[in-house]
Amino acid sequence: MRPDTADYRALFLNDLPMMDARAPVEFSKGAFPHTVNLPLMTDIERQKVGTCYKLHGQKAAIELGHQLVSGTTKAERIEAWAAFAKANPDGYLYCFRGGLRSQIVQQWLKSEAGIDYPRVTGGYKALRTFLLETTQQAVEQCDFVLVGGLTGTGKTEVVAQLANSLDLEGHANHRGSSFGKRATPQPAQIDFENRLAIDLLKKRAAGIEQFVLEDEGRIVGSCSVPLELYQGMQRYPLVWLEDSLEGRIERILKDYVIDLTAEFIAEHGEERGFPAFAERLRQSLSNIVKRLGGERYQRMAAIMDAALIEQERSGDVSLHRGWIEGLLSEYYDPMYAYQRESKAERIEFAGEQAAVIEYLRQRQPR
């Protein structure tokens, strides 16, 4: 039998599959990649056992748990655990603290299905603590540089082409701006933090000690950048990415109209995809109505409506350039110009995409 493990580093570096025996409500708040939720108890069963524990103590709570998970219910759960164990012979199981629930799952697998399956000692709590510490240590020990630039210059494209980058927007499944929501939902905050930490862990294990990331605000959609990293981002050096207005308009048209339309159609089908995309685009504009002001919002909304009508009618997306150019020149560019001025002393290089990528590939840690 493989022994229980406390080698959290190896679990994440090797993407080992794990069975999470916690209740679904616990799992939905945050888990790890390559993890499947096969709970010992449902949310309601866990709640009943918890209440019993508070009123009558551990012994009574364990007895109630065994009553609730018995007979056919117990057999079905053991069958699901056994199927996972057979499909993932190199995997592990865990509960919240690596205690009673994972021990019971382990015992039942052994006694009822004849399967020895190891646990993660310390459970979810220890794994989560390890990942939080991983991020903290990277911020303390590594060198970081930010890619800044006006909206639409292709900062995400630069990040994607570098082996030592951290794609915060990718981990958050969001493009970072008021228009950044994707067709698929964002991860829970804990899932976002875990993905970022595992990315750092793997890259550091490969010998990377300098990281490039996009200059972001604290919030990427609904996900918050870990505080220690965000605080560092207020002082890290900057590389400023430049592009023509025309190039930026075309890039935004592709990302936020053409590609996003395709995402919504892939997610919702031909019939429902386009209306869902159109609703999302209009909602994104209305989210910044206060910052735009009433007159400017009405003007942009009218151009957007005409563009959406034409896109649905003929597939032609050219009218979208109108509101994109208006938002860039009247809203985003003045805001970013102010930001550039406030960060000027941290900018160590500026140039177009190819030059920036080359500079970052050659850059030595400070």
Protein backbone atom coordinates (compact mmCIF):
# COMPACT_ATOMS: atom_id res chain seq x y z
CA MET A 1 0.00 0.00 0.00
CA ARG A 2 1.19 3.53 -0.79
CA PRO A 3 1.56 5.53 2.43
CA ASP A 4 -0.41 8.66 3.34
CA THR A 5 1.42 11.79 2.22
CA ALA A 6 2.31 15.25 3.51
CA ASP A 7 4.38 16.06 0.40
CA TYR A 8 2.10 18.83 -0.82
CA ARG A 9 4.74 20.13 -3.23
CA ALA A 10 4.89 16.81 -5.11
CA LEU A 11 1.07 16.59 -5.26
CA PHE A 12 0.83 19.92 -7.09
CA LEU A 13 3.99 19.67 -9.21
CA ASN A 14 2.83 16.31 -10.58
CA ASP A 15 -0.86 17.24 -10.97
CA LEU A 16 -1.81 14.17 -8.96
CA PRO A 17 -5.56 13.45 -8.91
CA MET A 18 -7.28 13.89 -5.57
CA MET A 19 -10.65 12.84 -4.17
CA ASP A 20 -12.22 15.54 -1.99
CA ALA A 21 -14.44 13.95 0.68
CA ARG A 22 -15.77 17.28 1.97
CA ALA A 23 -19.41 18.30 1.51
CA PRO A 24 -20.40 19.97 -1.81
CA VAL A 25 -20.86 23.39 -0.13
CA GLU A 26 -17.25 23.28 1.10
CA PHE A 27 -15.96 22.17 -2.31
CA SER A 28 -17.82 24.96 -4.16
CA LYS A 29 -16.12 27.63 -2.05
CA GLY A 30 -12.72 26.49 -3.22
CA ALA A 31 -10.77 23.38 -4.22
CA PHE A 32 -7.73 22.40 -6.29
CA PRO A 33 -7.16 21.48 -9.95
CA HIS A 34 -7.36 17.74 -10.75
CA THR A 35 -9.74 17.25 -7.82
CA VAL A 36 -13.12 15.51 -7.81
CA ASN A 37 -15.73 16.02 -5.08
CA LEU A 38 -16.96 12.62 -3.85
CA PRO A 39 -18.30 13.52 -0.41
CA LEU A 40 -18.76 11.26 2.58
CA MET A 41 -21.86 13.31 3.44
CA THR A 42 -24.20 15.65 1.58
CA ASP A 43 -24.63 19.23 2.81
CA ILE A 44 -27.81 18.34 4.74
CA GLU A 45 -26.25 15.23 6.32
CA ARG A 46 -23.18 17.24 7.36
CA GLN A 47 -25.40 19.93 8.88
CA LYS A 48 -27.34 17.35 10.92
CA VAL A 49 -24.13 15.73 12.18
CA GLY A 50 -22.68 19.14 13.05
CA THR A 51 -25.76 20.09 15.07
CA CYS A 52 -25.66 16.74 16.87
CA TYR A 53 -21.96 17.25 17.69
CA LYS A 54 -22.68 20.65 19.28
CA LEU A 55 -25.59 19.33 21.32
CA HIS A 56 -24.50 15.80 22.24
CA GLY A 57 -20.76 15.46 21.53
CA GLN A 58 -18.53 13.51 19.15
CA LYS A 59 -19.71 9.96 19.94
CA ALA A 60 -23.37 10.77 19.22
CA ALA A 61 -22.40 12.69 16.07
CA ILE A 62 -20.39 9.73 14.71
CA GLU A 63 -23.30 7.37 15.43
CA LEU A 64 -25.72 9.68 13.60
CA GLY A 65 -23.30 9.90 10.67
CA HIS A 66 -23.22 6.11 10.38
CA GLN A 67 -27.05 6.01 10.47
CA LEU A 68 -27.36 8.66 7.76
CA VAL A 69 -24.76 7.04 5.49
CA SER A 70 -25.81 3.40 5.55
CA GLY A 71 -27.42 0.74 3.36
CA THR A 72 -27.84 1.68 -0.30
CA THR A 73 -26.52 5.22 0.26
CA LYS A 74 -23.29 3.86 1.74
CA ALA A 75 -22.91 1.24 -1.02
CA GLU A 76 -23.36 3.87 -3.77
CA ARG A 77 -20.76 6.17 -2.23
CA ILE A 78 -18.23 3.36 -1.78
CA GLU A 79 -18.83 2.36 -5.40
CA ALA A 80 -18.05 5.95 -6.55
CA TRP A 81 -14.89 6.11 -4.38
CA ALA A 82 -13.75 2.72 -5.65
CA ALA A 83 -14.28 3.79 -9.28
CA PHE A 84 -12.14 6.88 -8.65
CA ALA A 85 -9.41 4.86 -6.90
CA LYS A 86 -9.26 2.33 -9.77
CA ALA A 87 -9.21 5.09 -12.42
CA ASN A 88 -6.55 7.06 -10.50
CA PRO A 89 -4.14 4.55 -8.92
CA ASP A 90 -1.59 7.32 -8.24
CA GLY A 91 -4.13 9.60 -6.49
CA TYR A 92 -4.99 10.53 -2.90
CA LEU A 93 -8.04 11.42 -0.85
CA TYR A 94 -8.55 14.21 1.68
CA CYS A 95 -11.17 15.94 3.84
CA PHE A 96 -10.97 19.32 5.58
CA ARG A 97 -8.23 18.63 8.13
CA GLY A 98 -7.24 15.10 7.12
CA GLY A 99 -9.24 13.74 10.03
CA LEU A 100 -12.35 11.70 10.63
CA ARG A 101 -14.08 11.94 7.26
CA SER A 102 -11.09 10.91 5.15
CA GLN A 103 -10.25 8.15 7.67
CA ILE A 104 -13.78 6.75 7.37
CA VAL A 105 -13.62 6.86 3.54
CA GLN A 106 -10.22 5.12 3.68
CA GLN A 107 -11.50 2.45 6.11
CA TRP A 108 -14.66 1.74 4.12
CA LEU A 109 -12.73 1.49 0.86
CA LYS A 110 -10.46 -1.08 2.51
CA SER A 111 -13.14 -3.12 4.31
CA GLU A 112 -15.93 -2.97 1.70
CA ALA A 113 -14.04 -2.75 -1.62
CA GLY A 114 -10.63 -4.20 -0.70
CA ILE A 115 -8.83 -1.05 -1.85
CA ASP A 116 -5.97 0.58 0.04
CA TYR A 117 -6.06 4.26 -0.87
CA PRO A 118 -3.81 6.85 0.78
CA ARG A 119 -4.85 10.13 2.39
CA VAL A 120 -3.34 13.61 2.34
CA THR A 121 -2.40 14.24 5.97
CA GLY A 122 -3.57 17.65 7.12
CA GLY A 123 -6.23 17.61 4.37
CA TYR A 124 -7.56 20.64 2.51
CA LYS A 125 -6.44 23.05 5.23
CA ALA A 126 -2.77 22.00 4.97
CA LEU A 127 -2.84 22.03 1.15
CA ARG A 128 -4.38 25.50 1.12
CA THR A 129 -1.87 26.83 3.67
CA PHE A 130 0.98 25.42 1.56
CA LEU A 131 -0.28 27.28 -1.53
CA LEU A 132 -0.79 30.58 0.33
CA GLU A 133 2.78 30.30 1.61
CA THR A 134 4.01 29.48 -1.93
CA THR A 135 2.67 32.82 -3.23
CA GLN A 136 3.99 34.72 -0.23
CA GLN A 137 7.48 33.23 -0.60
CA ALA A 138 7.57 34.00 -4.35
CA VAL A 139 6.66 37.65 -3.71
CA GLU A 140 9.42 37.86 -1.06
CA GLN A 141 12.11 36.00 -3.00
CA CYS A 142 11.56 36.63 -6.74
CA ASP A 143 11.96 39.50 -9.19
CA PHE A 144 8.86 40.92 -10.90
CA VAL A 145 8.30 43.29 -13.84
CA LEU A 146 4.97 44.62 -15.13
CA VAL A 147 3.73 45.16 -18.68
CA GLY A 148 1.70 48.36 -18.90
CA GLY A 149 0.17 50.22 -21.81
CA LEU A 150 -2.98 51.80 -23.21
CA THR A 151 -6.10 49.64 -23.66
CA GLY A 152 -5.80 47.36 -26.68
CA THR A 153 -2.01 47.40 -27.08
CA GLY A 154 -1.89 43.62 -26.62
CA LYS A 155 -0.45 43.25 -23.11
CA THR A 156 -2.07 39.82 -22.79
CA GLU A 157 -0.41 38.75 -26.09
CA VAL A 158 3.01 39.72 -24.69
CA VAL A 159 2.38 37.76 -21.49
CA ALA A 160 1.28 34.72 -23.55
CA GLN A 161 4.58 34.66 -25.47
CA LEU A 162 6.86 34.60 -22.42
CA ALA A 163 7.80 31.41 -20.56
CA ASN A 164 8.26 33.35 -17.29
CA SER A 165 4.91 35.15 -17.28
CA LEU A 166 2.00 34.93 -14.84
CA ASP A 167 -1.32 35.29 -16.65
CA LEU A 168 -3.56 36.81 -13.96
CA GLU A 169 -6.39 37.33 -16.45
CA GLY A 170 -6.12 33.73 -17.65
CA HIS A 171 -6.29 32.39 -14.09
CA ALA A 172 -9.26 34.69 -13.36
CA ASN A 173 -11.00 33.87 -16.71
CA HIS A 174 -11.53 37.61 -17.26
CA ARG A 175 -9.94 40.21 -19.52
CA GLY A 176 -9.52 42.70 -16.70
CA SER A 177 -11.52 45.66 -18.04
CA SER A 178 -15.17 46.73 -17.68
CA PHE A 179 -15.75 44.70 -20.87
CA GLY A 180 -13.64 41.75 -19.70
CA LYS A 181 -16.26 39.14 -18.74
CA ARG A 182 -16.03 35.90 -20.72
CA ALA A 183 -18.88 33.63 -21.86
CA THR A 184 -17.94 31.14 -19.11
CA PRO A 185 -17.98 32.03 -15.38
CA GLN A 186 -15.02 33.10 -13.29
CA PRO A 187 -13.51 30.75 -10.70
CA ALA A 188 -14.17 31.18 -6.98
CA GLN A 189 -11.64 33.47 -5.28
CA ILE A 190 -9.90 30.52 -3.57
CA ASP A 191 -9.67 28.62 -6.88
CA PHE A 192 -8.09 31.69 -8.51
CA GLU A 193 -5.50 31.99 -5.72
CA ASN A 194 -4.76 28.26 -5.88
CA ARG A 195 -4.22 28.29 -9.67
CA LEU A 196 -1.85 31.24 -9.38
CA ALA A 197 0.12 29.59 -6.56
CA ILE A 198 0.48 26.32 -8.50
CA ASP A 199 1.66 28.28 -11.56
CA LEU A 200 4.32 29.98 -9.39
CA LEU A 201 5.31 26.65 -7.81
CA LYS A 202 5.81 24.92 -11.19
CA LYS A 203 7.73 27.79 -12.75
CA ARG A 204 10.03 28.14 -9.74
CA ALA A 205 10.61 24.37 -9.80
CA ALA A 206 11.73 24.85 -13.43
CA GLY A 207 14.28 27.43 -12.27
CA ILE A 208 12.37 30.64 -13.06
CA GLU A 209 12.97 33.41 -10.52
CA GLN A 210 11.89 36.47 -12.56
CA PHE A 211 8.22 36.91 -13.47
CA VAL A 212 6.42 39.13 -15.97
CA LEU A 213 2.81 40.06 -15.36
CA GLU A 214 0.29 42.52 -16.72
CA ASP A 215 -0.20 45.76 -14.80
CA GLU A 216 -3.63 45.11 -13.26
CA GLY A 217 -5.88 46.69 -10.67
CA ARG A 218 -6.56 44.85 -7.42
CA ILE A 219 -9.72 43.28 -8.86
CA VAL A 220 -9.77 41.19 -12.07
CA GLY A 221 -13.51 40.87 -12.61
CA SER A 222 -14.66 39.28 -9.35
CA CYS A 223 -11.22 37.88 -8.39
CA SER A 224 -8.87 39.81 -6.11
CA VAL A 225 -5.12 39.70 -6.74
CA PRO A 226 -3.45 38.36 -3.54
CA LEU A 227 -2.70 41.36 -1.31
CA GLU A 228 1.05 40.79 -0.99
CA LEU A 229 1.40 40.55 -4.80
CA TYR A 230 -0.80 43.60 -5.41
CA GLN A 231 1.20 45.64 -2.92
CA GLY A 232 4.37 44.63 -4.77
CA MET A 233 2.79 45.68 -8.08
CA GLN A 234 2.64 49.27 -6.78
CA ARG A 235 6.46 49.42 -6.85
CA TYR A 236 7.63 46.87 -9.47
CA PRO A 237 9.37 48.27 -12.58
CA LEU A 238 7.26 48.72 -15.71
CA VAL A 239 7.73 48.04 -19.40
CA TRP A 240 5.33 50.18 -21.46
CA LEU A 241 3.74 48.63 -24.56
CA GLU A 242 2.85 50.91 -27.47
CA ASP A 243 0.72 50.53 -30.60
CA SER A 244 -1.14 52.75 -33.06
CA LEU A 245 -4.79 53.66 -32.47
CA GLU A 246 -5.73 51.65 -35.58
CA GLY A 247 -3.89 48.56 -34.32
CA ARG A 248 -5.59 48.84 -30.94
CA ILE A 249 -9.06 49.23 -32.48
CA GLU A 250 -8.54 46.09 -34.59
CA ARG A 251 -7.29 44.10 -31.59
CA ILE A 252 -10.27 45.12 -29.44
CA LEU A 253 -12.65 44.34 -32.31
CA LYS A 254 -11.18 40.85 -32.54
CA ASP A 255 -11.07 40.15 -28.77
CA TYR A 256 -14.28 41.77 -27.56
CA VAL A 257 -16.55 41.35 -30.60
CA ILE A 258 -15.45 38.60 -33.02
CA ASP A 259 -13.89 36.16 -30.51
CA LEU A 260 -16.44 36.88 -27.77
CA THR A 261 -19.35 36.29 -30.18
CA ALA A 262 -17.79 32.91 -31.06
CA GLU A 263 -17.35 32.10 -27.33
CA PHE A 264 -21.03 32.79 -26.61
CA ILE A 265 -22.18 30.75 -29.61
CA ALA A 266 -19.92 27.84 -28.57
CA GLU A 267 -21.33 28.04 -25.03
CA HIS A 268 -25.04 28.67 -25.76
CA GLY A 269 -25.59 27.53 -29.35
CA GLU A 270 -26.35 29.50 -32.54
CA GLU A 271 -29.85 30.63 -31.52
CA ARG A 272 -29.14 31.85 -27.97
CA GLY A 273 -25.45 32.71 -28.35
CA PHE A 274 -25.70 36.00 -30.23
CA PRO A 275 -28.48 37.55 -28.08
CA ALA A 276 -26.47 36.59 -24.96
CA PHE A 277 -23.36 38.22 -26.43
CA ALA A 278 -25.29 41.39 -27.38
CA GLU A 279 -26.78 41.62 -23.87
CA ARG A 280 -23.31 41.22 -22.32
CA LEU A 281 -21.83 43.96 -24.52
CA ARG A 282 -24.64 46.41 -23.71
CA GLN A 283 -24.35 45.57 -20.00
CA SER A 284 -20.58 46.20 -20.09
CA LEU A 285 -21.17 49.68 -21.48
CA SER A 286 -23.92 50.46 -18.97
CA ASN A 287 -21.52 49.42 -16.15
CA ILE A 288 -19.45 52.55 -16.83
CA VAL A 289 -22.38 54.96 -17.44
CA LYS A 290 -21.53 57.08 -14.38
CA ARG A 291 -17.92 57.47 -15.44
CA LEU A 292 -18.87 58.20 -19.06
CA GLY A 293 -21.61 60.70 -18.26
CA GLY A 294 -25.14 60.61 -19.67
CA GLU A 295 -24.57 62.31 -23.06
CA ARG A 296 -21.47 60.31 -23.95
CA TYR A 297 -23.09 57.03 -22.81
CA GLN A 298 -26.19 57.63 -24.98
CA ARG A 299 -23.98 58.39 -28.00
CA MET A 300 -21.83 55.25 -27.55
CA ALA A 301 -24.88 53.07 -26.83
CA ALA A 302 -26.56 54.20 -30.07
CA ILE A 303 -23.44 53.32 -32.11
CA MET A 304 -23.20 49.94 -30.33
CA ASP A 305 -26.90 49.14 -30.95
CA ALA A 306 -26.55 49.91 -34.67
CA ALA A 307 -23.40 47.75 -34.83
CA LEU A 308 -25.11 44.82 -33.10
CA ILE A 309 -28.15 45.02 -35.39
CA GLU A 310 -25.90 44.98 -38.48
CA GLN A 311 -23.73 42.17 -37.08
CA GLU A 312 -26.79 39.99 -36.43
CA ARG A 313 -28.28 40.82 -39.84
CA SER A 314 -25.23 40.33 -42.06
CA GLY A 315 -22.30 39.20 -39.92
CA ASP A 316 -20.50 42.50 -40.69
CA VAL A 317 -18.69 43.78 -37.58
CA SER A 318 -17.21 47.00 -39.06
CA LEU A 319 -19.68 49.36 -37.33
CA HIS A 320 -18.31 48.26 -33.92
CA ARG A 321 -15.16 50.28 -34.69
CA GLY A 322 -17.22 53.41 -34.00
CA TRP A 323 -17.89 52.87 -30.32
CA ILE A 324 -14.47 51.23 -29.80
CA GLU A 325 -12.65 54.30 -31.14
CA GLY A 326 -14.94 56.62 -29.16
CA LEU A 327 -14.30 54.79 -25.89
CA LEU A 328 -10.55 54.68 -26.47
CA SER A 329 -10.06 58.32 -27.37
CA GLU A 330 -12.63 59.83 -25.00
CA TYR A 331 -12.50 57.52 -21.98
CA TYR A 332 -9.69 54.96 -21.72
CA ASP A 333 -6.76 56.89 -23.20
CA PRO A 334 -7.04 59.98 -20.95
CA MET A 335 -7.31 57.67 -17.92
CA TYR A 336 -4.26 55.60 -18.94
CA ALA A 337 -2.27 58.71 -19.90
CA TYR A 338 -2.71 59.93 -16.32
CA GLN A 339 -1.66 56.51 -15.01
CA ARG A 340 1.45 56.52 -17.19
CA GLU A 341 2.40 59.93 -15.86
CA SER A 342 2.01 58.76 -12.26
CA LYS A 343 4.16 55.67 -12.96
CA ALA A 344 6.71 57.37 -15.24
CA GLU A 345 9.68 56.92 -12.91
CA ARG A 346 9.14 53.13 -12.85
CA ILE A 347 9.10 52.73 -16.66
CA GLU A 348 12.42 51.20 -17.73
CA PHE A 349 11.58 50.47 -21.37
CA ALA A 350 8.88 51.44 -23.91
CA GLY A 351 8.25 50.11 -27.40
CA GLU A 352 5.97 48.12 -29.71
CA GLN A 353 5.19 44.43 -29.19
CA ALA A 354 8.24 42.77 -30.83
CA ALA A 355 10.68 45.13 -29.09
CA VAL A 356 9.00 44.67 -25.70
CA ILE A 357 9.04 40.86 -26.00
CA GLU A 358 12.72 40.92 -26.98
CA TYR A 359 13.57 43.27 -24.10
CA LEU A 360 11.75 41.08 -21.56
CA ARG A 361 13.41 37.90 -22.85
CA GLN A 362 16.85 39.48 -22.41
CA ARG A 363 16.10 41.30 -19.16
CA GLN A 364 18.20 40.34 -16.15
CA PRO A 365 16.63 40.19 -12.67
CA ARG A 366 17.25 43.39 -10.70
